[in-house]
Amino acid sequence: MRVPILLTLLAGLAACGQPGSAAAPHQPASPPAGSSCAQAGTAVPSPVAPSPGRSYWPHQDSLMDAATTVQEAGEQRWPQLYAGVELDLEQNLLQVRRIPSGPAVDQAMCALVPTVTVRFVDAVHSERQLYAWQASIFADRPYWQRRGIVLNGISTEPGLCVVVAIDDPARHWATITARYPGLPIRVEHGGEAVPLVVGQT
């Protein structure tokens, strides 16, 4: 079981459509590229699954603390490289996405959490860059609404692209990607979120 930390999401990596080409269907990824590290001379304990009927993992708190440490450092020290962090509870490790730049950054990230195993996954774009593109598209919602296209969701595929959810992607994906030349965008189907109202039936 893998758990997202803060604003990042963990899912099977799908191809991100580039302007002028259709986005590929959402499919599981091939094994992640990258490297891994753990504290030298320390055996990584086998994860202990939660007892029946419970979803909490005994090592979940320590992984959450480590993920927060790596995320804060990544955003502050390596904003041009850092692309997100997730928990892999079944494997008892952190999965860190970053643009490859050599072993120095990977080793520095590992040194921040010496008792935790870290697995690195190669990213194409940093978290900061993807969030900037996401904000730019979000600001364009009135533009698209005037043209009869409602952007139901705007999110990111960590390290890869911005994901735009609309009612009819087959009809509008080319129009949307054409407005953002050079931006890695995946246009997919997604309905408008319906908020839950407590106390109403």
N, C-alpha and C. Protein backbone atom coordinates (compact mmCIF):
# COMPACT_ATOMS: atom_id res chain seq x y z
N MET A 1 0.86 -1.20 0.00
CA MET A 1 0.00 0.00 0.00
C MET A 1 0.88 1.23 0.00
N ARG A 2 0.65 2.13 -0.92
CA ARG A 2 1.41 3.37 -1.00
C ARG A 2 0.51 4.53 -0.66
N VAL A 3 1.01 5.46 0.13
CA VAL A 3 0.21 6.57 0.63
C VAL A 3 0.82 7.87 0.18
N PRO A 4 0.04 8.82 -0.37
CA PRO A 4 0.59 10.10 -0.77
C PRO A 4 0.92 10.96 0.43
N ILE A 5 1.92 11.81 0.28
CA ILE A 5 2.26 12.75 1.34
C ILE A 5 1.89 14.15 0.88
N LEU A 6 1.07 14.82 1.66
CA LEU A 6 0.62 16.17 1.39
C LEU A 6 -0.02 16.27 0.02
N LEU A 7 0.54 17.08 -0.91
CA LEU A 7 -0.16 17.34 -2.15
C LEU A 7 0.22 16.39 -3.27
N THR A 8 1.18 15.48 -3.05
CA THR A 8 1.57 14.60 -4.13
C THR A 8 0.67 13.40 -4.20
N LEU A 9 0.61 12.78 -5.37
CA LEU A 9 -0.22 11.63 -5.61
C LEU A 9 0.65 10.47 -6.05
N LEU A 10 0.24 9.27 -5.71
CA LEU A 10 0.97 8.10 -6.19
C LEU A 10 0.01 7.24 -6.96
N ALA A 11 0.35 6.97 -8.21
CA ALA A 11 -0.49 6.13 -9.06
C ALA A 11 0.41 5.50 -10.11
N GLY A 12 -0.12 4.53 -10.84
CA GLY A 12 0.63 3.99 -11.95
C GLY A 12 0.90 5.10 -12.94
N LEU A 13 2.15 5.23 -13.37
CA LEU A 13 2.50 6.32 -14.26
C LEU A 13 1.86 6.12 -15.61
N ALA A 14 1.20 7.13 -16.10
CA ALA A 14 0.62 7.07 -17.44
C ALA A 14 1.39 8.01 -18.34
N ALA A 15 1.34 7.74 -19.62
CA ALA A 15 2.00 8.64 -20.56
C ALA A 15 1.29 9.98 -20.52
N CYS A 16 2.07 11.05 -20.56
CA CYS A 16 1.50 12.38 -20.55
C CYS A 16 1.47 12.90 -21.96
N GLY A 17 0.29 13.28 -22.41
CA GLY A 17 0.14 13.74 -23.78
C GLY A 17 0.88 15.04 -24.01
N GLN A 18 1.56 15.12 -25.09
CA GLN A 18 2.22 16.35 -25.49
C GLN A 18 1.32 17.10 -26.46
N PRO A 19 1.48 18.42 -26.55
CA PRO A 19 0.67 19.16 -27.50
C PRO A 19 0.79 18.56 -28.90
N GLY A 20 -0.37 18.37 -29.53
CA GLY A 20 -0.38 17.84 -30.88
C GLY A 20 -0.45 16.34 -30.94
N SER A 21 -0.56 15.66 -29.80
CA SER A 21 -0.69 14.20 -29.82
C SER A 21 -1.68 13.79 -28.76
N ALA A 22 -2.38 12.70 -29.00
CA ALA A 22 -3.38 12.22 -28.05
C ALA A 22 -2.72 11.62 -26.84
N ALA A 23 -3.29 11.87 -25.67
CA ALA A 23 -2.76 11.28 -24.45
C ALA A 23 -3.01 9.79 -24.47
N ALA A 24 -2.03 9.02 -23.99
CA ALA A 24 -2.16 7.58 -23.97
C ALA A 24 -3.11 7.17 -22.85
N PRO A 25 -3.76 6.02 -22.98
CA PRO A 25 -4.62 5.53 -21.90
C PRO A 25 -3.83 5.33 -20.62
N HIS A 26 -4.51 5.46 -19.50
CA HIS A 26 -3.87 5.30 -18.20
C HIS A 26 -3.53 3.82 -18.00
N GLN A 27 -2.24 3.50 -17.91
CA GLN A 27 -1.78 2.14 -17.77
C GLN A 27 -0.72 2.06 -16.69
N PRO A 28 -0.52 0.88 -16.09
CA PRO A 28 0.54 0.74 -15.11
C PRO A 28 1.90 1.03 -15.72
N ALA A 29 2.79 1.52 -14.91
CA ALA A 29 4.11 1.86 -15.39
C ALA A 29 5.02 0.66 -15.39
N SER A 30 6.11 0.78 -16.13
CA SER A 30 7.18 -0.19 -16.01
C SER A 30 7.90 0.08 -14.70
N PRO A 31 8.78 -0.82 -14.23
CA PRO A 31 9.48 -0.59 -12.97
C PRO A 31 10.17 0.76 -12.95
N PRO A 32 10.08 1.50 -11.85
CA PRO A 32 10.62 2.86 -11.81
C PRO A 32 12.13 2.88 -11.98
N ALA A 33 12.59 3.88 -12.72
CA ALA A 33 14.02 4.08 -12.86
C ALA A 33 14.53 4.89 -11.70
N GLY A 34 15.80 4.76 -11.39
CA GLY A 34 16.37 5.54 -10.30
C GLY A 34 17.34 4.71 -9.49
N SER A 35 17.46 5.00 -8.21
CA SER A 35 18.38 4.31 -7.34
C SER A 35 17.77 4.25 -5.95
N SER A 36 18.46 3.61 -5.03
CA SER A 36 17.95 3.52 -3.67
C SER A 36 19.11 3.59 -2.70
N CYS A 37 18.80 3.89 -1.44
CA CYS A 37 19.83 3.93 -0.43
C CYS A 37 19.21 3.69 0.93
N ALA A 38 20.00 3.19 1.85
CA ALA A 38 19.59 2.98 3.23
C ALA A 38 20.79 3.25 4.11
N GLN A 39 20.57 3.37 5.39
CA GLN A 39 21.66 3.64 6.31
C GLN A 39 22.68 2.51 6.24
N ALA A 40 23.93 2.85 6.07
CA ALA A 40 24.98 1.85 5.94
C ALA A 40 25.05 0.96 7.17
N GLY A 41 25.12 -0.33 6.94
CA GLY A 41 25.29 -1.28 8.03
C GLY A 41 24.03 -1.54 8.82
N THR A 42 22.90 -1.04 8.38
CA THR A 42 21.65 -1.22 9.11
C THR A 42 20.68 -2.03 8.26
N ALA A 43 20.18 -3.11 8.79
CA ALA A 43 19.20 -3.91 8.08
C ALA A 43 17.86 -3.22 8.13
N VAL A 44 17.20 -3.16 6.99
CA VAL A 44 15.87 -2.56 6.93
C VAL A 44 14.86 -3.59 7.40
N PRO A 45 14.12 -3.32 8.48
CA PRO A 45 13.19 -4.32 9.00
C PRO A 45 12.07 -4.62 8.01
N SER A 46 11.63 -5.87 8.00
CA SER A 46 10.50 -6.24 7.17
C SER A 46 9.25 -5.55 7.70
N PRO A 47 8.42 -5.00 6.81
CA PRO A 47 7.22 -4.31 7.27
C PRO A 47 6.25 -5.28 7.93
N VAL A 48 5.61 -4.81 8.96
CA VAL A 48 4.60 -5.60 9.66
C VAL A 48 3.23 -5.10 9.22
N ALA A 49 2.45 -5.97 8.61
CA ALA A 49 1.14 -5.56 8.11
C ALA A 49 0.21 -5.28 9.27
N PRO A 50 -0.76 -4.40 9.08
CA PRO A 50 -1.73 -4.13 10.14
C PRO A 50 -2.56 -5.37 10.43
N SER A 51 -3.07 -5.44 11.64
CA SER A 51 -3.89 -6.57 12.02
C SER A 51 -5.20 -6.54 11.25
N PRO A 52 -5.89 -7.68 11.13
CA PRO A 52 -7.16 -7.70 10.39
C PRO A 52 -8.14 -6.66 10.90
N GLY A 53 -8.76 -5.98 9.96
CA GLY A 53 -9.75 -4.97 10.31
C GLY A 53 -9.17 -3.60 10.59
N ARG A 54 -7.82 -3.46 10.49
CA ARG A 54 -7.18 -2.17 10.74
C ARG A 54 -6.35 -1.77 9.53
N SER A 55 -6.31 -0.48 9.25
CA SER A 55 -5.55 0.01 8.10
C SER A 55 -4.25 0.68 8.50
N TYR A 56 -4.00 0.77 9.79
CA TYR A 56 -2.81 1.50 10.27
C TYR A 56 -1.61 0.57 10.31
N TRP A 57 -0.49 1.03 9.76
CA TRP A 57 0.75 0.25 9.76
C TRP A 57 1.64 0.72 10.90
N PRO A 58 2.28 -0.19 11.62
CA PRO A 58 3.11 0.21 12.78
C PRO A 58 4.20 1.22 12.44
N HIS A 59 4.78 1.14 11.24
CA HIS A 59 5.87 2.05 10.87
C HIS A 59 5.37 3.28 10.12
N GLN A 60 4.06 3.49 10.08
CA GLN A 60 3.51 4.58 9.27
C GLN A 60 3.95 5.96 9.79
N ASP A 61 3.97 6.15 11.09
CA ASP A 61 4.34 7.46 11.64
C ASP A 61 5.77 7.83 11.30
N SER A 62 6.69 6.87 11.42
CA SER A 62 8.09 7.18 11.14
C SER A 62 8.29 7.50 9.67
N LEU A 63 7.58 6.81 8.79
CA LEU A 63 7.68 7.12 7.37
C LEU A 63 7.08 8.49 7.06
N MET A 64 5.97 8.82 7.72
CA MET A 64 5.37 10.14 7.52
C MET A 64 6.32 11.25 7.94
N ASP A 65 6.96 11.07 9.09
CA ASP A 65 7.93 12.07 9.56
C ASP A 65 9.09 12.21 8.58
N ALA A 66 9.58 11.08 8.08
CA ALA A 66 10.69 11.12 7.13
C ALA A 66 10.26 11.79 5.83
N ALA A 67 9.05 11.49 5.37
CA ALA A 67 8.55 12.09 4.14
C ALA A 67 8.43 13.61 4.28
N THR A 68 7.96 14.07 5.43
CA THR A 68 7.85 15.50 5.66
C THR A 68 9.23 16.16 5.62
N THR A 69 10.21 15.50 6.24
CA THR A 69 11.58 16.03 6.25
C THR A 69 12.13 16.15 4.83
N VAL A 70 11.96 15.10 4.04
CA VAL A 70 12.47 15.11 2.66
C VAL A 70 11.74 16.13 1.81
N GLN A 71 10.43 16.23 1.99
CA GLN A 71 9.66 17.18 1.20
C GLN A 71 10.08 18.61 1.50
N GLU A 72 10.20 18.95 2.77
CA GLU A 72 10.58 20.32 3.13
C GLU A 72 11.97 20.66 2.58
N ALA A 73 12.91 19.71 2.71
CA ALA A 73 14.25 19.96 2.20
C ALA A 73 14.26 20.02 0.68
N GLY A 74 13.49 19.14 0.05
CA GLY A 74 13.45 19.15 -1.41
C GLY A 74 12.93 20.46 -1.95
N GLU A 75 11.88 20.99 -1.35
CA GLU A 75 11.29 22.23 -1.83
C GLU A 75 12.19 23.43 -1.55
N GLN A 76 12.97 23.38 -0.48
CA GLN A 76 13.81 24.52 -0.11
C GLN A 76 15.21 24.45 -0.70
N ARG A 77 15.81 23.25 -0.73
CA ARG A 77 17.22 23.12 -1.13
C ARG A 77 17.39 22.74 -2.60
N TRP A 78 16.44 21.97 -3.15
CA TRP A 78 16.57 21.50 -4.53
C TRP A 78 15.28 21.72 -5.31
N PRO A 79 14.73 22.93 -5.31
CA PRO A 79 13.43 23.15 -5.96
C PRO A 79 13.47 22.88 -7.46
N GLN A 80 14.63 23.00 -8.08
CA GLN A 80 14.73 22.77 -9.52
C GLN A 80 14.80 21.28 -9.85
N LEU A 81 14.95 20.41 -8.83
CA LEU A 81 15.09 18.97 -9.04
C LEU A 81 13.98 18.16 -8.38
N TYR A 82 13.54 18.60 -7.23
CA TYR A 82 12.60 17.81 -6.41
C TYR A 82 11.23 17.73 -7.09
N ALA A 83 10.64 16.52 -7.09
CA ALA A 83 9.37 16.32 -7.80
C ALA A 83 8.30 15.60 -6.97
N GLY A 84 8.58 15.29 -5.70
CA GLY A 84 7.54 14.67 -4.88
C GLY A 84 8.04 13.46 -4.11
N VAL A 85 7.29 13.12 -3.05
CA VAL A 85 7.65 11.96 -2.22
C VAL A 85 6.37 11.22 -1.83
N GLU A 86 6.45 9.89 -1.78
CA GLU A 86 5.33 9.05 -1.39
C GLU A 86 5.79 7.97 -0.43
N LEU A 87 4.84 7.46 0.34
CA LEU A 87 5.12 6.35 1.23
C LEU A 87 4.76 5.04 0.55
N ASP A 88 5.63 4.05 0.69
CA ASP A 88 5.30 2.69 0.28
C ASP A 88 5.28 1.86 1.57
N LEU A 89 4.07 1.71 2.12
CA LEU A 89 3.94 1.05 3.42
C LEU A 89 4.25 -0.44 3.34
N GLU A 90 3.91 -1.07 2.23
CA GLU A 90 4.17 -2.51 2.12
C GLU A 90 5.65 -2.81 2.08
N GLN A 91 6.42 -1.94 1.44
CA GLN A 91 7.87 -2.14 1.35
C GLN A 91 8.63 -1.38 2.43
N ASN A 92 7.93 -0.61 3.25
CA ASN A 92 8.54 0.15 4.33
C ASN A 92 9.64 1.08 3.82
N LEU A 93 9.28 1.93 2.84
CA LEU A 93 10.28 2.84 2.28
C LEU A 93 9.61 4.11 1.76
N LEU A 94 10.47 5.09 1.49
CA LEU A 94 10.02 6.33 0.84
C LEU A 94 10.37 6.24 -0.64
N GLN A 95 9.48 6.72 -1.47
CA GLN A 95 9.76 6.84 -2.90
C GLN A 95 9.85 8.33 -3.21
N VAL A 96 11.02 8.75 -3.66
CA VAL A 96 11.29 10.16 -3.92
C VAL A 96 11.48 10.37 -5.42
N ARG A 97 10.73 11.29 -5.97
CA ARG A 97 10.87 11.64 -7.38
C ARG A 97 11.75 12.89 -7.48
N ARG A 98 12.74 12.81 -8.34
CA ARG A 98 13.62 13.96 -8.58
C ARG A 98 14.20 13.85 -9.98
N ILE A 99 14.55 14.99 -10.55
CA ILE A 99 15.24 15.01 -11.83
C ILE A 99 16.67 14.57 -11.58
N PRO A 100 17.16 13.55 -12.26
CA PRO A 100 18.52 13.05 -11.99
C PRO A 100 19.57 14.13 -12.20
N SER A 101 20.50 14.21 -11.24
CA SER A 101 21.55 15.23 -11.35
C SER A 101 22.89 14.70 -10.85
N GLY A 102 22.97 13.41 -10.58
CA GLY A 102 24.20 12.86 -10.02
C GLY A 102 23.97 12.37 -8.61
N PRO A 103 24.93 11.61 -8.06
CA PRO A 103 24.73 10.97 -6.76
C PRO A 103 24.72 11.92 -5.56
N ALA A 104 25.26 13.13 -5.71
CA ALA A 104 25.40 14.02 -4.55
C ALA A 104 24.05 14.38 -3.94
N VAL A 105 23.08 14.74 -4.77
CA VAL A 105 21.76 15.12 -4.25
C VAL A 105 21.08 13.91 -3.63
N ASP A 106 21.14 12.76 -4.29
CA ASP A 106 20.52 11.56 -3.74
C ASP A 106 21.11 11.23 -2.37
N GLN A 107 22.42 11.31 -2.26
CA GLN A 107 23.07 11.00 -0.99
C GLN A 107 22.68 12.01 0.09
N ALA A 108 22.55 13.27 -0.30
CA ALA A 108 22.16 14.29 0.67
C ALA A 108 20.73 14.06 1.17
N MET A 109 19.84 13.65 0.28
CA MET A 109 18.46 13.35 0.70
C MET A 109 18.43 12.15 1.63
N CYS A 110 19.21 11.13 1.31
CA CYS A 110 19.27 9.95 2.17
C CYS A 110 19.81 10.29 3.55
N ALA A 111 20.78 11.20 3.59
CA ALA A 111 21.38 11.57 4.87
C ALA A 111 20.38 12.27 5.79
N LEU A 112 19.32 12.85 5.22
CA LEU A 112 18.30 13.51 6.03
C LEU A 112 17.48 12.51 6.84
N VAL A 113 17.35 11.30 6.33
CA VAL A 113 16.52 10.26 6.97
C VAL A 113 17.33 8.96 7.02
N PRO A 114 18.39 8.90 7.82
CA PRO A 114 19.34 7.77 7.76
C PRO A 114 18.77 6.42 8.18
N THR A 115 17.65 6.40 8.88
CA THR A 115 17.10 5.12 9.32
C THR A 115 15.99 4.61 8.40
N VAL A 116 15.78 5.30 7.29
CA VAL A 116 14.69 4.94 6.38
C VAL A 116 15.27 4.58 5.01
N THR A 117 14.72 3.57 4.38
CA THR A 117 15.11 3.24 3.02
C THR A 117 14.44 4.20 2.05
N VAL A 118 15.23 4.72 1.12
CA VAL A 118 14.73 5.67 0.12
C VAL A 118 14.94 5.08 -1.27
N ARG A 119 13.88 5.08 -2.06
CA ARG A 119 13.98 4.66 -3.46
C ARG A 119 13.72 5.88 -4.32
N PHE A 120 14.63 6.13 -5.27
CA PHE A 120 14.52 7.30 -6.14
C PHE A 120 13.91 6.91 -7.49
N VAL A 121 13.04 7.77 -7.98
CA VAL A 121 12.41 7.58 -9.28
C VAL A 121 12.72 8.82 -10.13
N ASP A 122 13.19 8.59 -11.34
CA ASP A 122 13.55 9.70 -12.22
C ASP A 122 12.31 10.47 -12.64
N ALA A 123 12.42 11.79 -12.55
CA ALA A 123 11.34 12.69 -12.97
C ALA A 123 11.79 13.49 -14.18
N VAL A 124 10.83 14.05 -14.89
CA VAL A 124 11.11 14.89 -16.05
C VAL A 124 11.02 16.37 -15.69
N HIS A 125 10.07 16.69 -14.80
CA HIS A 125 9.85 18.08 -14.40
C HIS A 125 9.77 18.16 -12.88
N SER A 126 10.23 19.27 -12.34
CA SER A 126 10.20 19.46 -10.89
C SER A 126 8.78 19.74 -10.41
N GLU A 127 8.56 19.53 -9.13
CA GLU A 127 7.28 19.85 -8.51
C GLU A 127 6.96 21.34 -8.68
N ARG A 128 7.96 22.19 -8.46
CA ARG A 128 7.75 23.63 -8.57
C ARG A 128 7.31 24.03 -9.97
N GLN A 129 7.94 23.44 -11.00
CA GLN A 129 7.57 23.78 -12.36
C GLN A 129 6.16 23.30 -12.69
N LEU A 130 5.83 22.07 -12.29
CA LEU A 130 4.50 21.55 -12.58
C LEU A 130 3.41 22.35 -11.86
N TYR A 131 3.68 22.76 -10.62
CA TYR A 131 2.71 23.57 -9.89
C TYR A 131 2.51 24.93 -10.56
N ALA A 132 3.58 25.49 -11.12
CA ALA A 132 3.46 26.77 -11.82
C ALA A 132 2.60 26.62 -13.07
N TRP A 133 2.81 25.55 -13.82
CA TRP A 133 1.97 25.30 -15.00
C TRP A 133 0.53 25.03 -14.59
N GLN A 134 0.36 24.28 -13.51
CA GLN A 134 -1.00 24.00 -13.01
C GLN A 134 -1.72 25.30 -12.67
N ALA A 135 -1.03 26.20 -11.98
CA ALA A 135 -1.64 27.48 -11.60
C ALA A 135 -2.00 28.31 -12.82
N SER A 136 -1.16 28.25 -13.85
CA SER A 136 -1.43 29.00 -15.07
C SER A 136 -2.70 28.50 -15.76
N ILE A 137 -2.85 27.19 -15.83
CA ILE A 137 -4.06 26.63 -16.45
C ILE A 137 -5.29 26.90 -15.58
N PHE A 138 -5.11 26.81 -14.26
CA PHE A 138 -6.21 27.09 -13.35
C PHE A 138 -6.74 28.51 -13.55
N ALA A 139 -5.83 29.46 -13.75
CA ALA A 139 -6.23 30.85 -13.96
C ALA A 139 -6.98 31.03 -15.26
N ASP A 140 -6.86 30.07 -16.18
CA ASP A 140 -7.53 30.15 -17.47
C ASP A 140 -8.95 29.58 -17.45
N ARG A 141 -9.45 29.18 -16.30
CA ARG A 141 -10.78 28.56 -16.28
C ARG A 141 -11.86 29.46 -16.87
N PRO A 142 -11.90 30.77 -16.58
CA PRO A 142 -12.92 31.62 -17.21
C PRO A 142 -12.80 31.64 -18.73
N TYR A 143 -11.56 31.62 -19.24
CA TYR A 143 -11.33 31.59 -20.69
C TYR A 143 -11.99 30.36 -21.29
N TRP A 144 -11.79 29.20 -20.68
CA TRP A 144 -12.36 27.97 -21.22
C TRP A 144 -13.88 27.91 -21.04
N GLN A 145 -14.35 28.45 -19.93
CA GLN A 145 -15.80 28.43 -19.69
C GLN A 145 -16.54 29.26 -20.73
N ARG A 146 -15.94 30.37 -21.15
CA ARG A 146 -16.56 31.20 -22.19
C ARG A 146 -16.64 30.45 -23.52
N ARG A 147 -15.82 29.45 -23.67
CA ARG A 147 -15.80 28.64 -24.90
C ARG A 147 -16.52 27.32 -24.73
N GLY A 148 -17.25 27.20 -23.64
CA GLY A 148 -18.06 26.02 -23.44
C GLY A 148 -17.32 24.80 -22.94
N ILE A 149 -16.12 24.99 -22.42
CA ILE A 149 -15.34 23.88 -21.89
C ILE A 149 -15.11 24.11 -20.41
N VAL A 150 -15.61 23.21 -19.58
CA VAL A 150 -15.44 23.34 -18.14
C VAL A 150 -14.28 22.44 -17.69
N LEU A 151 -13.30 23.04 -17.04
CA LEU A 151 -12.18 22.27 -16.50
C LEU A 151 -12.60 21.74 -15.14
N ASN A 152 -12.99 20.47 -15.10
CA ASN A 152 -13.50 19.89 -13.85
C ASN A 152 -12.40 19.61 -12.84
N GLY A 153 -11.20 19.44 -13.31
CA GLY A 153 -10.09 19.17 -12.39
C GLY A 153 -8.77 19.51 -13.05
N ILE A 154 -7.86 20.08 -12.26
CA ILE A 154 -6.51 20.39 -12.75
C ILE A 154 -5.54 19.92 -11.67
N SER A 155 -4.77 18.91 -11.97
CA SER A 155 -3.85 18.34 -10.99
C SER A 155 -2.52 18.07 -11.67
N THR A 156 -1.63 17.36 -11.00
CA THR A 156 -0.35 17.02 -11.60
C THR A 156 -0.08 15.53 -11.46
N GLU A 157 0.62 14.98 -12.43
CA GLU A 157 1.19 13.64 -12.33
C GLU A 157 2.62 13.88 -11.87
N PRO A 158 2.95 13.59 -10.61
CA PRO A 158 4.24 14.00 -10.04
C PRO A 158 5.43 13.66 -10.94
N GLY A 159 6.20 14.70 -11.25
CA GLY A 159 7.40 14.53 -12.05
C GLY A 159 7.18 14.47 -13.54
N LEU A 160 5.91 14.42 -13.99
CA LEU A 160 5.65 14.17 -15.41
C LEU A 160 4.88 15.27 -16.12
N CYS A 161 3.67 15.60 -15.64
CA CYS A 161 2.84 16.50 -16.43
C CYS A 161 1.70 17.07 -15.60
N VAL A 162 0.98 18.00 -16.21
CA VAL A 162 -0.26 18.53 -15.65
C VAL A 162 -1.42 17.71 -16.23
N VAL A 163 -2.38 17.38 -15.38
CA VAL A 163 -3.53 16.58 -15.80
C VAL A 163 -4.78 17.46 -15.75
N VAL A 164 -5.46 17.55 -16.89
CA VAL A 164 -6.67 18.35 -17.00
C VAL A 164 -7.84 17.40 -17.21
N ALA A 165 -8.84 17.47 -16.35
CA ALA A 165 -10.01 16.60 -16.43
C ALA A 165 -11.20 17.39 -16.96
N ILE A 166 -11.83 16.87 -18.02
CA ILE A 166 -13.00 17.51 -18.61
C ILE A 166 -14.03 16.43 -18.96
N ASP A 167 -15.21 16.86 -19.37
CA ASP A 167 -16.28 15.92 -19.68
C ASP A 167 -16.03 15.14 -20.97
N ASP A 168 -15.45 15.80 -21.97
CA ASP A 168 -15.30 15.17 -23.29
C ASP A 168 -13.87 15.36 -23.81
N PRO A 169 -12.89 14.60 -23.30
CA PRO A 169 -11.51 14.80 -23.73
C PRO A 169 -11.27 14.49 -25.20
N ALA A 170 -11.98 13.51 -25.76
CA ALA A 170 -11.77 13.17 -27.17
C ALA A 170 -12.09 14.35 -28.08
N ARG A 171 -13.05 15.14 -27.67
CA ARG A 171 -13.48 16.28 -28.48
C ARG A 171 -12.59 17.51 -28.29
N HIS A 172 -12.08 17.71 -27.07
CA HIS A 172 -11.45 19.00 -26.76
C HIS A 172 -9.95 18.93 -26.46
N TRP A 173 -9.36 17.74 -26.44
CA TRP A 173 -7.95 17.69 -26.01
C TRP A 173 -7.04 18.50 -26.92
N ALA A 174 -7.28 18.47 -28.23
CA ALA A 174 -6.41 19.20 -29.15
C ALA A 174 -6.53 20.70 -28.96
N THR A 175 -7.75 21.17 -28.68
CA THR A 175 -7.97 22.60 -28.45
C THR A 175 -7.25 23.06 -27.20
N ILE A 176 -7.32 22.24 -26.15
CA ILE A 176 -6.70 22.62 -24.88
C ILE A 176 -5.18 22.61 -25.00
N THR A 177 -4.61 21.55 -25.54
CA THR A 177 -3.14 21.48 -25.61
C THR A 177 -2.57 22.52 -26.56
N ALA A 178 -3.34 22.92 -27.57
CA ALA A 178 -2.84 23.92 -28.52
C ALA A 178 -2.62 25.28 -27.85
N ARG A 179 -3.36 25.56 -26.77
CA ARG A 179 -3.20 26.85 -26.09
C ARG A 179 -1.92 26.88 -25.26
N TYR A 180 -1.36 25.72 -24.94
CA TYR A 180 -0.19 25.66 -24.07
C TYR A 180 0.95 24.92 -24.77
N PRO A 181 1.49 25.50 -25.84
CA PRO A 181 2.55 24.82 -26.59
C PRO A 181 3.78 24.58 -25.71
N GLY A 182 4.28 23.35 -25.78
CA GLY A 182 5.48 23.01 -25.01
C GLY A 182 5.20 22.51 -23.61
N LEU A 183 3.97 22.67 -23.12
CA LEU A 183 3.65 22.19 -21.78
C LEU A 183 3.26 20.71 -21.83
N PRO A 184 3.77 19.91 -20.91
CA PRO A 184 3.37 18.51 -20.84
C PRO A 184 1.99 18.40 -20.19
N ILE A 185 0.98 18.08 -20.96
CA ILE A 185 -0.40 18.06 -20.48
C ILE A 185 -1.04 16.72 -20.86
N ARG A 186 -1.77 16.14 -19.93
CA ARG A 186 -2.61 15.00 -20.24
C ARG A 186 -4.06 15.41 -20.02
N VAL A 187 -4.88 15.26 -21.03
CA VAL A 187 -6.31 15.59 -20.94
C VAL A 187 -7.06 14.28 -20.80
N GLU A 188 -7.85 14.15 -19.73
CA GLU A 188 -8.56 12.91 -19.46
C GLU A 188 -9.98 13.22 -19.02
N HIS A 189 -10.79 12.16 -18.98
CA HIS A 189 -12.18 12.34 -18.56
C HIS A 189 -12.26 12.48 -17.05
N GLY A 190 -13.05 13.44 -16.61
CA GLY A 190 -13.28 13.62 -15.19
C GLY A 190 -14.47 14.52 -14.96
N GLY A 191 -15.42 14.06 -14.16
CA GLY A 191 -16.60 14.85 -13.89
C GLY A 191 -16.36 15.88 -12.81
N GLU A 192 -17.26 16.81 -12.70
CA GLU A 192 -17.17 17.85 -11.69
C GLU A 192 -17.31 17.24 -10.30
N ALA A 193 -16.46 17.67 -9.38
CA ALA A 193 -16.52 17.17 -8.00
C ALA A 193 -17.78 17.67 -7.33
N VAL A 194 -18.44 16.77 -6.62
CA VAL A 194 -19.65 17.12 -5.88
C VAL A 194 -19.33 17.13 -4.39
N PRO A 195 -19.36 18.31 -3.75
CA PRO A 195 -19.00 18.37 -2.32
C PRO A 195 -20.01 17.64 -1.44
N LEU A 196 -19.49 17.01 -0.41
CA LEU A 196 -20.36 16.35 0.56
C LEU A 196 -20.85 17.37 1.57
N VAL A 197 -22.12 17.35 1.89
CA VAL A 197 -22.70 18.28 2.85
C VAL A 197 -23.13 17.47 4.08
N VAL A 198 -22.49 17.72 5.19
CA VAL A 198 -22.79 16.99 6.42
C VAL A 198 -24.17 17.35 6.93
N GLY A 199 -24.95 16.36 7.32
CA GLY A 199 -26.26 16.61 7.91
C GLY A 199 -27.40 16.58 6.94
N GLN A 200 -27.08 16.47 5.63
CA GLN A 200 -28.15 16.40 4.64
C GLN A 200 -28.27 14.98 4.11
N THR A 201 -29.46 14.55 3.82
CA THR A 201 -29.70 13.21 3.29
C THR A 201 -30.19 13.30 1.85
